[in-house]
Amino acid sequence: MANTVIQVSPAICTEIKKYYKHYLVDKLPPGSIFVAKLPSCTITAYRSGKVMFQGANHEAEAAKWGNSLAKRQAPKTKTSGNPLPSDISSMSVIGSDEVGTGDYFGPMTVVSAYVKREQIPLLKEIGVKDSKGLKDDQIAVIAKQLVEFIPFSLLKLPNEKYNRLQQSGMSQGKIKALLHNRAIDHLLKKIAPEKPEAILIDQFAEANTYYRYLKNEKVIIRDHVYFSTKGESVHLAVAAASIIARYAFVRAFTQLSNEAGFTLPKGAGHQVDIAAAKLIAQKGIEALPHFTKLHFANTEKAKKIARK
């Protein structure tokens, strides 16, 4: 099973145990001091100070607490379309990223952000990095600073519209492509006549597939466009876009929780099924299109729970 191991101080170990207190289990392997079992990650802390994160979400959970003990390497990226310029990390770049695509509740959110080469040291100074390695409160602090001096374009897709598009036969990949293209177009107009040296999209589809999704669009941004997985490790503009998108998503998520009358869980695990069933019980099945992405398997699971 894939895993990440970090080394922490006794104080941090205690903090980790407290953070996951609702997931602690009684059965402990030799040499361990606690085990927490989350839906997508098992966390085992040892007397040596090492903490191992195992499961599908191991990297994201471990990143909340420290750096992996594995050999430090630049994240492996995959690109398509135009080869990345060798010096892209130091260029003036528009980065584009999205959040919310894997969450049953909450809106798909896309942000394009423009970072000039002379702003890169400042972004590093205020802590800009992959948003998956930041807690929501850290994201809020950094995002509030970024929006003061970084030109950006933010698009949030309400679930009602997302569901209409999906039910019309549009795939999630095509929806993402449309939003990225429009966010980039909006940002280019905002910064005109200035032009970025490159446009980097955090790759969710091969370049030819991305442009096929856009074939019926009136405006298709192609010049100096590059695609790379782990785009936040290629240029901080993608990391900045991800942080602003995450901040907007969390705020929208909080608003949805207020409308629901209880805290909605993120992701698409079992706790989401339970929350959706509660929503059905309190507001009726007709409330789901406003709060959720209906085509997720969580919908049918929630219906079964609600019928019990």
C-alpha atoms as a PDB file:
ATOM      1  CA  MET A   1       0.000   0.000   0.000  1.00  0.00           C
ATOM      2  CA  ALA A   2       1.299   3.462  -0.908  1.00  0.00           C
ATOM      3  CA  ASN A   3       2.572   5.396   2.105  1.00  0.00           C
ATOM      4  CA  THR A   4       4.378   8.480   3.353  1.00  0.00           C
ATOM      5  CA  VAL A   5       6.532   8.548   6.499  1.00  0.00           C
ATOM      6  CA  ILE A   6       7.439  11.722   8.386  1.00  0.00           C
ATOM      7  CA  GLN A   7       9.505  12.402  11.517  1.00  0.00           C
ATOM      8  CA  VAL A   8       7.859  14.620  14.160  1.00  0.00           C
ATOM      9  CA  SER A   9       8.520  15.911  17.657  1.00  0.00           C
ATOM     10  CA  PRO A  10       6.566  14.534  20.656  1.00  0.00           C
ATOM     11  CA  ALA A  11       4.527  17.759  20.744  1.00  0.00           C
ATOM     12  CA  ILE A  12       3.521  17.433  17.084  1.00  0.00           C
ATOM     13  CA  CYS A  13       2.751  13.752  17.611  1.00  0.00           C
ATOM     14  CA  THR A  14       0.367  14.711  20.419  1.00  0.00           C
ATOM     15  CA  GLU A  15      -1.203  17.344  18.173  1.00  0.00           C
ATOM     16  CA  ILE A  16      -1.708  14.773  15.393  1.00  0.00           C
ATOM     17  CA  LYS A  17      -3.365  12.359  17.811  1.00  0.00           C
ATOM     18  CA  LYS A  18      -5.695  15.093  19.063  1.00  0.00           C
ATOM     19  CA  TYR A  19      -6.528  16.172  15.495  1.00  0.00           C
ATOM     20  CA  TYR A  20      -7.614  12.625  14.542  1.00  0.00           C
ATOM     21  CA  LYS A  21      -9.138  11.720  17.899  1.00  0.00           C
ATOM     22  CA  HIS A  22     -12.460  10.675  16.361  1.00  0.00           C
ATOM     23  CA  TYR A  23     -10.690   8.090  14.176  1.00  0.00           C
ATOM     24  CA  LEU A  24      -8.514   6.374  16.810  1.00  0.00           C
ATOM     25  CA  VAL A  25      -8.674   2.569  17.057  1.00  0.00           C
ATOM     26  CA  ASP A  26      -7.832   0.280  19.968  1.00  0.00           C
ATOM     27  CA  LYS A  27      -5.733  -2.346  18.210  1.00  0.00           C
ATOM     28  CA  LEU A  28      -2.117  -1.156  17.963  1.00  0.00           C
ATOM     29  CA  PRO A  29       0.834  -2.754  16.151  1.00  0.00           C
ATOM     30  CA  PRO A  30       4.096  -3.302  18.113  1.00  0.00           C
ATOM     31  CA  GLY A  31       6.052  -0.127  18.790  1.00  0.00           C
ATOM     32  CA  SER A  32       3.161   2.206  17.974  1.00  0.00           C
ATOM     33  CA  ILE A  33       1.469   4.741  20.241  1.00  0.00           C
ATOM     34  CA  PHE A  34      -1.733   5.315  18.281  1.00  0.00           C
ATOM     35  CA  VAL A  35      -3.511   4.397  15.066  1.00  0.00           C
ATOM     36  CA  ALA A  36      -6.170   6.520  13.363  1.00  0.00           C
ATOM     37  CA  LYS A  37      -8.238   5.078  10.529  1.00  0.00           C
ATOM     38  CA  LEU A  38      -9.746   7.630   8.157  1.00  0.00           C
ATOM     39  CA  PRO A  39     -11.907   6.607   5.171  1.00  0.00           C
ATOM     40  CA  SER A  40      -8.987   7.026   2.771  1.00  0.00           C
ATOM     41  CA  CYS A  41      -5.926   6.957   5.022  1.00  0.00           C
ATOM     42  CA  THR A  42      -4.570   5.018   8.011  1.00  0.00           C
ATOM     43  CA  ILE A  43      -2.169   6.907  10.285  1.00  0.00           C
ATOM     44  CA  THR A  44       0.224   5.039  12.571  1.00  0.00           C
ATOM     45  CA  ALA A  45       2.493   6.868  15.030  1.00  0.00           C
ATOM     46  CA  TYR A  46       5.532   5.101  16.509  1.00  0.00           C
ATOM     47  CA  ARG A  47       7.591   5.665  19.656  1.00  0.00           C
ATOM     48  CA  SER A  48      10.548   6.592  17.440  1.00  0.00           C
ATOM     49  CA  GLY A  49       8.713   9.754  16.353  1.00  0.00           C
ATOM     50  CA  LYS A  50       7.982   8.433  12.889  1.00  0.00           C
ATOM     51  CA  VAL A  51       4.399   8.691  11.632  1.00  0.00           C
ATOM     52  CA  MET A  52       3.268   6.622   8.665  1.00  0.00           C
ATOM     53  CA  PHE A  53       0.346   7.608   6.444  1.00  0.00           C
ATOM     54  CA  GLN A  54      -1.060   4.787   4.287  1.00  0.00           C
ATOM     55  CA  GLY A  55      -3.854   4.754   1.730  1.00  0.00           C
ATOM     56  CA  ALA A  56      -5.230   6.716  -1.198  1.00  0.00           C
ATOM     57  CA  ASN A  57      -4.948  10.096   0.557  1.00  0.00           C
ATOM     58  CA  HIS A  58      -1.561   9.500   2.249  1.00  0.00           C
ATOM     59  CA  GLU A  59       0.314  12.377   0.622  1.00  0.00           C
ATOM     60  CA  ALA A  60      -2.280  15.044   1.375  1.00  0.00           C
ATOM     61  CA  GLU A  61      -2.698  13.992   5.018  1.00  0.00           C
ATOM     62  CA  ALA A  62       1.057  13.730   5.621  1.00  0.00           C
ATOM     63  CA  ALA A  63       1.622  17.138   4.037  1.00  0.00           C
ATOM     64  CA  LYS A  64      -0.439  18.709   6.824  1.00  0.00           C
ATOM     65  CA  TRP A  65       2.247  17.770   9.343  1.00  0.00           C
ATOM     66  CA  GLY A  66       5.679  17.679   7.733  1.00  0.00           C
ATOM     67  CA  ASN A  67       7.945  16.599   4.917  1.00  0.00           C
ATOM     68  CA  SER A  68       8.369  13.021   3.793  1.00  0.00           C
ATOM     69  CA  LEU A  69      11.536  11.169   4.845  1.00  0.00           C
ATOM     70  CA  ALA A  70      11.767   9.781   1.329  1.00  0.00           C
ATOM     71  CA  LYS A  71      14.586  11.074  -0.845  1.00  0.00           C
ATOM     72  CA  ARG A  72      13.759  14.625  -1.884  1.00  0.00           C
ATOM     73  CA  GLN A  73      13.074  14.716  -5.598  1.00  0.00           C
ATOM     74  CA  ALA A  74      11.272  17.128  -7.870  1.00  0.00           C
ATOM     75  CA  PRO A  75       7.718  15.822  -8.372  1.00  0.00           C
ATOM     76  CA  LYS A  76       7.397  13.759 -11.531  1.00  0.00           C
ATOM     77  CA  THR A  77       5.324  15.593 -14.069  1.00  0.00           C
ATOM     78  CA  LYS A  78       3.668  14.582 -17.312  1.00  0.00           C
ATOM     79  CA  THR A  79       3.210  17.044 -20.117  1.00  0.00           C
ATOM     80  CA  SER A  80       1.405  17.075 -23.437  1.00  0.00           C
ATOM     81  CA  GLY A  81       1.216  19.441 -26.370  1.00  0.00           C
ATOM     82  CA  ASN A  82       4.067  21.937 -26.594  1.00  0.00           C
ATOM     83  CA  PRO A  83       7.249  20.986 -24.663  1.00  0.00           C
ATOM     84  CA  LEU A  84       7.725  23.146 -21.570  1.00  0.00           C
ATOM     85  CA  PRO A  85      10.335  25.924 -21.935  1.00  0.00           C
ATOM     86  CA  SER A  86      13.411  25.022 -19.909  1.00  0.00           C
ATOM     87  CA  ASP A  87      13.184  28.274 -17.945  1.00  0.00           C
ATOM     88  CA  ILE A  88       9.412  28.353 -17.467  1.00  0.00           C
ATOM     89  CA  SER A  89       9.716  28.438 -13.658  1.00  0.00           C
ATOM     90  CA  SER A  90      11.252  31.931 -13.863  1.00  0.00           C
ATOM     91  CA  MET A  91       8.938  33.334 -16.553  1.00  0.00           C
ATOM     92  CA  SER A  92       5.929  35.650 -16.239  1.00  0.00           C
ATOM     93  CA  VAL A  93       3.142  33.089 -16.419  1.00  0.00           C
ATOM     94  CA  ILE A  94      -0.629  32.666 -16.223  1.00  0.00           C
ATOM     95  CA  GLY A  95      -1.316  29.540 -14.198  1.00  0.00           C
ATOM     96  CA  SER A  96      -4.718  27.842 -14.232  1.00  0.00           C
ATOM     97  CA  ASP A  97      -6.064  25.254 -11.819  1.00  0.00           C
ATOM     98  CA  GLU A  98      -9.371  23.949 -10.482  1.00  0.00           C
ATOM     99  CA  VAL A  99     -10.755  22.544  -7.239  1.00  0.00           C
ATOM    100  CA  GLY A 100     -13.984  20.869  -6.192  1.00  0.00           C
ATOM    101  CA  THR A 101     -14.140  18.303  -8.969  1.00  0.00           C
ATOM    102  CA  GLY A 102     -13.857  15.377  -6.558  1.00  0.00           C
ATOM    103  CA  ASP A 103     -16.222  16.811  -3.949  1.00  0.00           C
ATOM    104  CA  TYR A 104     -19.861  15.707  -3.911  1.00  0.00           C
ATOM    105  CA  PHE A 105     -20.908  18.937  -2.207  1.00  0.00           C
ATOM    106  CA  GLY A 106     -19.722  22.358  -3.352  1.00  0.00           C
ATOM    107  CA  PRO A 107     -19.093  24.067  -6.689  1.00  0.00           C
ATOM    108  CA  MET A 108     -16.436  23.285  -9.263  1.00  0.00           C
ATOM    109  CA  THR A 109     -14.121  26.303  -9.066  1.00  0.00           C
ATOM    110  CA  VAL A 110     -11.509  27.377 -11.617  1.00  0.00           C
ATOM    111  CA  VAL A 111      -8.961  30.178 -11.223  1.00  0.00           C
ATOM    112  CA  SER A 112      -6.375  31.589 -13.615  1.00  0.00           C
ATOM    113  CA  ALA A 113      -3.719  33.791 -11.995  1.00  0.00           C
ATOM    114  CA  TYR A 114      -0.958  35.920 -13.509  1.00  0.00           C
ATOM    115  CA  VAL A 115       2.411  35.980 -11.766  1.00  0.00           C
ATOM    116  CA  LYS A 116       5.193  38.184 -13.136  1.00  0.00           C
ATOM    117  CA  ARG A 117       8.757  36.944 -12.872  1.00  0.00           C
ATOM    118  CA  GLU A 118       9.657  39.711 -10.393  1.00  0.00           C
ATOM    119  CA  GLN A 119       6.805  38.614  -8.085  1.00  0.00           C
ATOM    120  CA  ILE A 120       8.043  35.035  -7.697  1.00  0.00           C
ATOM    121  CA  PRO A 121      10.278  35.769  -4.646  1.00  0.00           C
ATOM    122  CA  LEU A 122       7.349  37.495  -2.910  1.00  0.00           C
ATOM    123  CA  LEU A 123       5.093  34.482  -3.503  1.00  0.00           C
ATOM    124  CA  LYS A 124       7.716  32.236  -1.932  1.00  0.00           C
ATOM    125  CA  GLU A 125       8.007  34.636   0.990  1.00  0.00           C
ATOM    126  CA  ILE A 126       4.277  34.528   1.808  1.00  0.00           C
ATOM    127  CA  GLY A 127       4.213  30.731   1.607  1.00  0.00           C
ATOM    128  CA  VAL A 128       2.689  29.984  -1.793  1.00  0.00           C
ATOM    129  CA  LYS A 129       2.936  26.261  -2.575  1.00  0.00           C
ATOM    130  CA  ASP A 130       0.679  23.361  -3.518  1.00  0.00           C
ATOM    131  CA  SER A 131      -2.662  24.027  -1.786  1.00  0.00           C
ATOM    132  CA  LYS A 132      -3.037  20.318  -0.964  1.00  0.00           C
ATOM    133  CA  GLY A 133      -0.215  20.795   1.537  1.00  0.00           C
ATOM    134  CA  LEU A 134      -1.961  23.685   3.296  1.00  0.00           C
ATOM    135  CA  LYS A 135      -4.772  23.748   5.855  1.00  0.00           C
ATOM    136  CA  ASP A 136      -7.859  25.851   5.153  1.00  0.00           C
ATOM    137  CA  ASP A 137      -6.842  28.559   7.617  1.00  0.00           C
ATOM    138  CA  GLN A 138      -3.391  28.824   5.993  1.00  0.00           C
ATOM    139  CA  ILE A 139      -5.005  29.034   2.558  1.00  0.00           C
ATOM    140  CA  ALA A 140      -7.245  31.876   3.733  1.00  0.00           C
ATOM    141  CA  VAL A 141      -4.291  33.902   5.036  1.00  0.00           C
ATOM    142  CA  ILE A 142      -2.259  33.466   1.841  1.00  0.00           C
ATOM    143  CA  ALA A 143      -5.204  33.934  -0.540  1.00  0.00           C
ATOM    144  CA  LYS A 144      -6.210  37.231   1.090  1.00  0.00           C
ATOM    145  CA  GLN A 145      -2.702  38.522   0.391  1.00  0.00           C
ATOM    146  CA  LEU A 146      -2.553  37.184  -3.164  1.00  0.00           C
ATOM    147  CA  VAL A 147      -5.787  38.791  -4.322  1.00  0.00           C
ATOM    148  CA  GLU A 148      -4.392  42.198  -3.363  1.00  0.00           C
ATOM    149  CA  PHE A 149      -1.659  42.166  -6.011  1.00  0.00           C
ATOM    150  CA  ILE A 150      -2.120  39.164  -8.345  1.00  0.00           C
ATOM    151  CA  PRO A 151      -4.448  39.622 -11.347  1.00  0.00           C
ATOM    152  CA  PHE A 152      -6.776  36.624 -11.500  1.00  0.00           C
ATOM    153  CA  SER A 153     -10.017  35.337 -12.970  1.00  0.00           C
ATOM    154  CA  LEU A 154     -12.344  33.216 -10.831  1.00  0.00           C
ATOM    155  CA  LEU A 155     -15.190  31.069 -12.152  1.00  0.00           C
ATOM    156  CA  LYS A 156     -17.517  29.115  -9.841  1.00  0.00           C
ATOM    157  CA  LEU A 157     -19.993  26.701 -11.398  1.00  0.00           C
ATOM    158  CA  PRO A 158     -23.143  26.326  -9.238  1.00  0.00           C
ATOM    159  CA  ASN A 159     -24.199  22.724  -8.815  1.00  0.00           C
ATOM    160  CA  GLU A 160     -27.565  23.325 -10.490  1.00  0.00           C
ATOM    161  CA  LYS A 161     -25.787  24.370 -13.703  1.00  0.00           C
ATOM    162  CA  TYR A 162     -23.159  21.649 -13.350  1.00  0.00           C
ATOM    163  CA  ASN A 163     -25.923  19.039 -13.134  1.00  0.00           C
ATOM    164  CA  ARG A 164     -27.735  20.444 -16.169  1.00  0.00           C
ATOM    165  CA  LEU A 165     -24.544  20.337 -18.225  1.00  0.00           C
ATOM    166  CA  GLN A 166     -23.695  16.826 -17.047  1.00  0.00           C
ATOM    167  CA  GLN A 167     -27.204  15.535 -17.723  1.00  0.00           C
ATOM    168  CA  SER A 168     -27.055  17.017 -21.241  1.00  0.00           C
ATOM    169  CA  GLY A 169     -24.172  14.641 -21.962  1.00  0.00           C
ATOM    170  CA  MET A 170     -21.218  16.886 -21.145  1.00  0.00           C
ATOM    171  CA  SER A 171     -18.371  15.120 -19.346  1.00  0.00           C
ATOM    172  CA  GLN A 172     -16.657  16.621 -16.327  1.00  0.00           C
ATOM    173  CA  GLY A 173     -13.489  16.915 -18.413  1.00  0.00           C
ATOM    174  CA  LYS A 174     -15.249  19.037 -21.012  1.00  0.00           C
ATOM    175  CA  ILE A 175     -16.799  21.242 -18.335  1.00  0.00           C
ATOM    176  CA  LYS A 176     -13.340  21.817 -16.854  1.00  0.00           C
ATOM    177  CA  ALA A 177     -11.866  22.655 -20.259  1.00  0.00           C
ATOM    178  CA  LEU A 178     -14.594  25.222 -20.935  1.00  0.00           C
ATOM    179  CA  LEU A 179     -14.041  26.896 -17.575  1.00  0.00           C
ATOM    180  CA  HIS A 180     -10.250  27.004 -17.924  1.00  0.00           C
ATOM    181  CA  ASN A 181     -10.434  28.465 -21.434  1.00  0.00           C
ATOM    182  CA  ARG A 182     -12.912  31.153 -20.343  1.00  0.00           C
ATOM    183  CA  ALA A 183     -10.991  32.030 -17.161  1.00  0.00           C
ATOM    184  CA  ILE A 184      -7.774  32.428 -19.151  1.00  0.00           C
ATOM    185  CA  ASP A 185      -9.560  34.528 -21.781  1.00  0.00           C
ATOM    186  CA  HIS A 186     -11.005  36.803 -19.080  1.00  0.00           C
ATOM    187  CA  LEU A 187      -7.596  37.226 -17.456  1.00  0.00           C
ATOM    188  CA  LEU A 188      -5.833  37.990 -20.738  1.00  0.00           C
ATOM    189  CA  LYS A 189      -8.339  40.786 -21.334  1.00  0.00           C
ATOM    190  CA  LYS A 190      -7.845  42.047 -17.769  1.00  0.00           C
ATOM    191  CA  ILE A 191      -4.055  42.373 -18.092  1.00  0.00           C
ATOM    192  CA  ALA A 192      -4.031  43.615 -21.726  1.00  0.00           C
ATOM    193  CA  PRO A 193      -2.013  44.994 -23.391  1.00  0.00           C
ATOM    194  CA  GLU A 194       0.493  43.099 -21.253  1.00  0.00           C
ATOM    195  CA  LYS A 195       0.965  39.477 -22.332  1.00  0.00           C
ATOM    196  CA  PRO A 196       2.315  36.535 -20.348  1.00  0.00           C
ATOM    197  CA  GLU A 197       5.362  34.656 -21.568  1.00  0.00           C
ATOM    198  CA  ALA A 198       3.495  31.390 -21.050  1.00  0.00           C
ATOM    199  CA  ILE A 199       0.134  29.985 -19.968  1.00  0.00           C
ATOM    200  CA  LEU A 200       0.341  26.828 -17.871  1.00  0.00           C
ATOM    201  CA  ILE A 201      -2.705  24.640 -17.237  1.00  0.00           C
ATOM    202  CA  ASP A 202      -2.565  22.004 -14.524  1.00  0.00           C
ATOM    203  CA  GLN A 203      -3.116  19.044 -16.824  1.00  0.00           C
ATOM    204  CA  PHE A 204      -6.322  17.053 -16.401  1.00  0.00           C
ATOM    205  CA  ALA A 205      -6.487  15.918 -20.048  1.00  0.00           C
ATOM    206  CA  GLU A 206      -4.071  15.521 -22.940  1.00  0.00           C
ATOM    207  CA  ALA A 207      -3.674  18.693 -25.019  1.00  0.00           C
ATOM    208  CA  ASN A 208      -5.457  17.268 -28.070  1.00  0.00           C
ATOM    209  CA  THR A 209      -8.383  16.141 -25.887  1.00  0.00           C
ATOM    210  CA  TYR A 210      -8.549  19.554 -24.206  1.00  0.00           C
ATOM    211  CA  TYR A 211      -8.783  21.343 -27.550  1.00  0.00           C
ATOM    212  CA  ARG A 212     -11.328  18.834 -28.831  1.00  0.00           C
ATOM    213  CA  TYR A 213     -13.537  19.766 -25.892  1.00  0.00           C
ATOM    214  CA  LEU A 214     -13.300  23.399 -27.001  1.00  0.00           C
ATOM    215  CA  LYS A 215     -13.998  22.914 -30.717  1.00  0.00           C
ATOM    216  CA  ASN A 216     -17.354  24.759 -30.591  1.00  0.00           C
ATOM    217  CA  GLU A 217     -16.093  27.710 -28.560  1.00  0.00           C
ATOM    218  CA  LYS A 218     -15.882  31.122 -30.269  1.00  0.00           C
ATOM    219  CA  VAL A 219     -12.591  31.938 -28.541  1.00  0.00           C
ATOM    220  CA  ILE A 220      -9.953  29.260 -27.987  1.00  0.00           C
ATOM    221  CA  ILE A 221      -6.714  30.283 -26.282  1.00  0.00           C
ATOM    222  CA  ARG A 222      -3.802  28.446 -27.918  1.00  0.00           C
ATOM    223  CA  ASP A 223      -0.785  30.760 -28.040  1.00  0.00           C
ATOM    224  CA  HIS A 224       2.003  29.846 -25.618  1.00  0.00           C
ATOM    225  CA  VAL A 225      -0.279  27.373 -23.792  1.00  0.00           C
ATOM    226  CA  TYR A 226       1.374  24.459 -21.983  1.00  0.00           C
ATOM    227  CA  PHE A 227       0.010  21.506 -20.036  1.00  0.00           C
ATOM    228  CA  SER A 228       1.656  19.716 -17.115  1.00  0.00           C
ATOM    229  CA  THR A 229       0.557  17.529 -14.243  1.00  0.00           C
ATOM    230  CA  LYS A 230       1.697  18.824 -10.842  1.00  0.00           C
ATOM    231  CA  GLY A 231       1.698  22.262 -12.414  1.00  0.00           C
ATOM    232  CA  GLU A 232       2.219  23.903  -9.009  1.00  0.00           C
ATOM    233  CA  SER A 233       5.743  22.389  -8.978  1.00  0.00           C
ATOM    234  CA  VAL A 234       6.466  23.810 -12.441  1.00  0.00           C
ATOM    235  CA  HIS A 235       5.452  27.434 -11.732  1.00  0.00           C
ATOM    236  CA  LEU A 236       4.086  29.237  -8.680  1.00  0.00           C
ATOM    237  CA  ALA A 237       1.354  30.821 -10.818  1.00  0.00           C
ATOM    238  CA  VAL A 238      -0.456  27.460 -10.769  1.00  0.00           C
ATOM    239  CA  ALA A 239       0.023  27.190  -7.007  1.00  0.00           C
ATOM    240  CA  ALA A 240      -1.342  30.726  -6.583  1.00  0.00           C
ATOM    241  CA  ALA A 241      -4.352  29.885  -8.767  1.00  0.00           C
ATOM    242  CA  SER A 242      -4.960  26.741  -6.719  1.00  0.00           C
ATOM    243  CA  ILE A 243      -4.835  28.652  -3.418  1.00  0.00           C
ATOM    244  CA  ILE A 244      -7.265  31.342  -4.588  1.00  0.00           C
ATOM    245  CA  ALA A 245      -9.581  28.666  -6.021  1.00  0.00           C
ATOM    246  CA  ARG A 246      -9.465  26.675  -2.801  1.00  0.00           C
ATOM    247  CA  TYR A 247     -10.218  29.770  -0.719  1.00  0.00           C
ATOM    248  CA  ALA A 248     -13.244  30.573  -2.893  1.00  0.00           C
ATOM    249  CA  PHE A 249     -14.379  26.953  -2.773  1.00  0.00           C
ATOM    250  CA  VAL A 250     -14.146  26.785   1.035  1.00  0.00           C
ATOM    251  CA  ARG A 251     -16.170  29.991   1.379  1.00  0.00           C
ATOM    252  CA  ALA A 252     -18.842  28.642  -0.976  1.00  0.00           C
ATOM    253  CA  PHE A 253     -18.790  25.347   0.925  1.00  0.00           C
ATOM    254  CA  THR A 254     -19.356  27.168   4.208  1.00  0.00           C
ATOM    255  CA  GLN A 255     -22.326  28.992   2.674  1.00  0.00           C
ATOM    256  CA  LEU A 256     -23.800  25.668   1.546  1.00  0.00           C
ATOM    257  CA  SER A 257     -23.347  24.270   5.057  1.00  0.00           C
ATOM    258  CA  ASN A 258     -25.221  27.291   6.433  1.00  0.00           C
ATOM    259  CA  GLU A 259     -28.042  26.644   3.973  1.00  0.00           C
ATOM    260  CA  ALA A 260     -28.094  22.964   4.903  1.00  0.00           C
ATOM    261  CA  GLY A 261     -28.216  23.783   8.606  1.00  0.00           C
ATOM    262  CA  PHE A 262     -25.270  21.522   9.460  1.00  0.00           C
ATOM    263  CA  THR A 263     -21.618  21.117   8.475  1.00  0.00           C
ATOM    264  CA  LEU A 264     -21.229  19.353   5.145  1.00  0.00           C
ATOM    265  CA  PRO A 265     -18.177  17.085   4.785  1.00  0.00           C
ATOM    266  CA  LYS A 266     -15.750  17.449   1.902  1.00  0.00           C
ATOM    267  CA  GLY A 267     -14.760  14.682  -0.472  1.00  0.00           C
ATOM    268  CA  ALA A 268     -16.922  11.757  -1.548  1.00  0.00           C
ATOM    269  CA  GLY A 269     -16.549   9.216   1.260  1.00  0.00           C
ATOM    270  CA  HIS A 270     -19.051   7.512   3.537  1.00  0.00           C
ATOM    271  CA  GLN A 271     -19.525  10.589   5.741  1.00  0.00           C
ATOM    272  CA  VAL A 272     -20.732  12.374   2.626  1.00  0.00           C
ATOM    273  CA  ASP A 273     -23.342   9.648   2.056  1.00  0.00           C
ATOM    274  CA  ILE A 274     -24.617  10.117   5.607  1.00  0.00           C
ATOM    275  CA  ALA A 275     -24.746  13.914   5.249  1.00  0.00           C
ATOM    276  CA  ALA A 276     -26.617  13.662   1.941  1.00  0.00           C
ATOM    277  CA  ALA A 277     -29.120  11.250   3.523  1.00  0.00           C
ATOM    278  CA  LYS A 278     -29.648  13.773   6.327  1.00  0.00           C
ATOM    279  CA  LEU A 279     -30.209  16.467   3.718  1.00  0.00           C
ATOM    280  CA  ILE A 280     -32.825  14.289   1.993  1.00  0.00           C
ATOM    281  CA  ALA A 281     -34.569  13.649   5.310  1.00  0.00           C
ATOM    282  CA  GLN A 282     -34.683  17.342   6.222  1.00  0.00           C
ATOM    283  CA  LYS A 283     -35.211  19.054   2.871  1.00  0.00           C
ATOM    284  CA  GLY A 284     -36.366  16.344   0.482  1.00  0.00           C
ATOM    285  CA  ILE A 285     -34.717  14.706  -2.509  1.00  0.00           C
ATOM    286  CA  GLU A 286     -35.426  17.805  -4.593  1.00  0.00           C
ATOM    287  CA  ALA A 287     -32.784  19.713  -2.582  1.00  0.00           C
ATOM    288  CA  LEU A 288     -29.892  17.610  -3.857  1.00  0.00           C
ATOM    289  CA  PRO A 289     -29.312  19.388  -7.216  1.00  0.00           C
ATOM    290  CA  HIS A 290     -28.535  22.639  -5.371  1.00  0.00           C
ATOM    291  CA  PHE A 291     -26.031  21.069  -2.987  1.00  0.00           C
ATOM    292  CA  THR A 292     -24.486  18.159  -4.897  1.00  0.00           C
ATOM    293  CA  LYS A 293     -23.062  16.727  -8.103  1.00  0.00           C
ATOM    294  CA  LEU A 294     -25.872  14.287  -8.755  1.00  0.00           C
ATOM    295  CA  HIS A 295     -24.012  11.809 -10.956  1.00  0.00           C
ATOM    296  CA  PHE A 296     -21.638  10.830  -8.145  1.00  0.00           C
ATOM    297  CA  ALA A 297     -22.302   7.372  -6.673  1.00  0.00           C
ATOM    298  CA  ASN A 298     -22.995   9.112  -3.343  1.00  0.00           C
ATOM    299  CA  THR A 299     -26.510   9.988  -4.548  1.00  0.00           C
ATOM    300  CA  GLU A 300     -27.723   6.399  -4.696  1.00  0.00           C
ATOM    301  CA  LYS A 301     -25.911   5.498  -1.471  1.00  0.00           C
ATOM    302  CA  ALA A 302     -27.577   8.443   0.293  1.00  0.00           C
ATOM    303  CA  LYS A 303     -31.014   7.411  -0.991  1.00  0.00           C
ATOM    304  CA  LYS A 304     -30.523   3.910   0.439  1.00  0.00           C
ATOM    305  CA  ILE A 305     -29.484   5.302   3.820  1.00  0.00           C
ATOM    306  CA  ALA A 306     -32.445   7.708   3.822  1.00  0.00           C
ATOM    307  CA  ARG A 307     -34.897   4.845   3.166  1.00  0.00           C
ATOM    308  CA  LYS A 308     -33.747   2.874   6.208  1.00  0.00           C
END
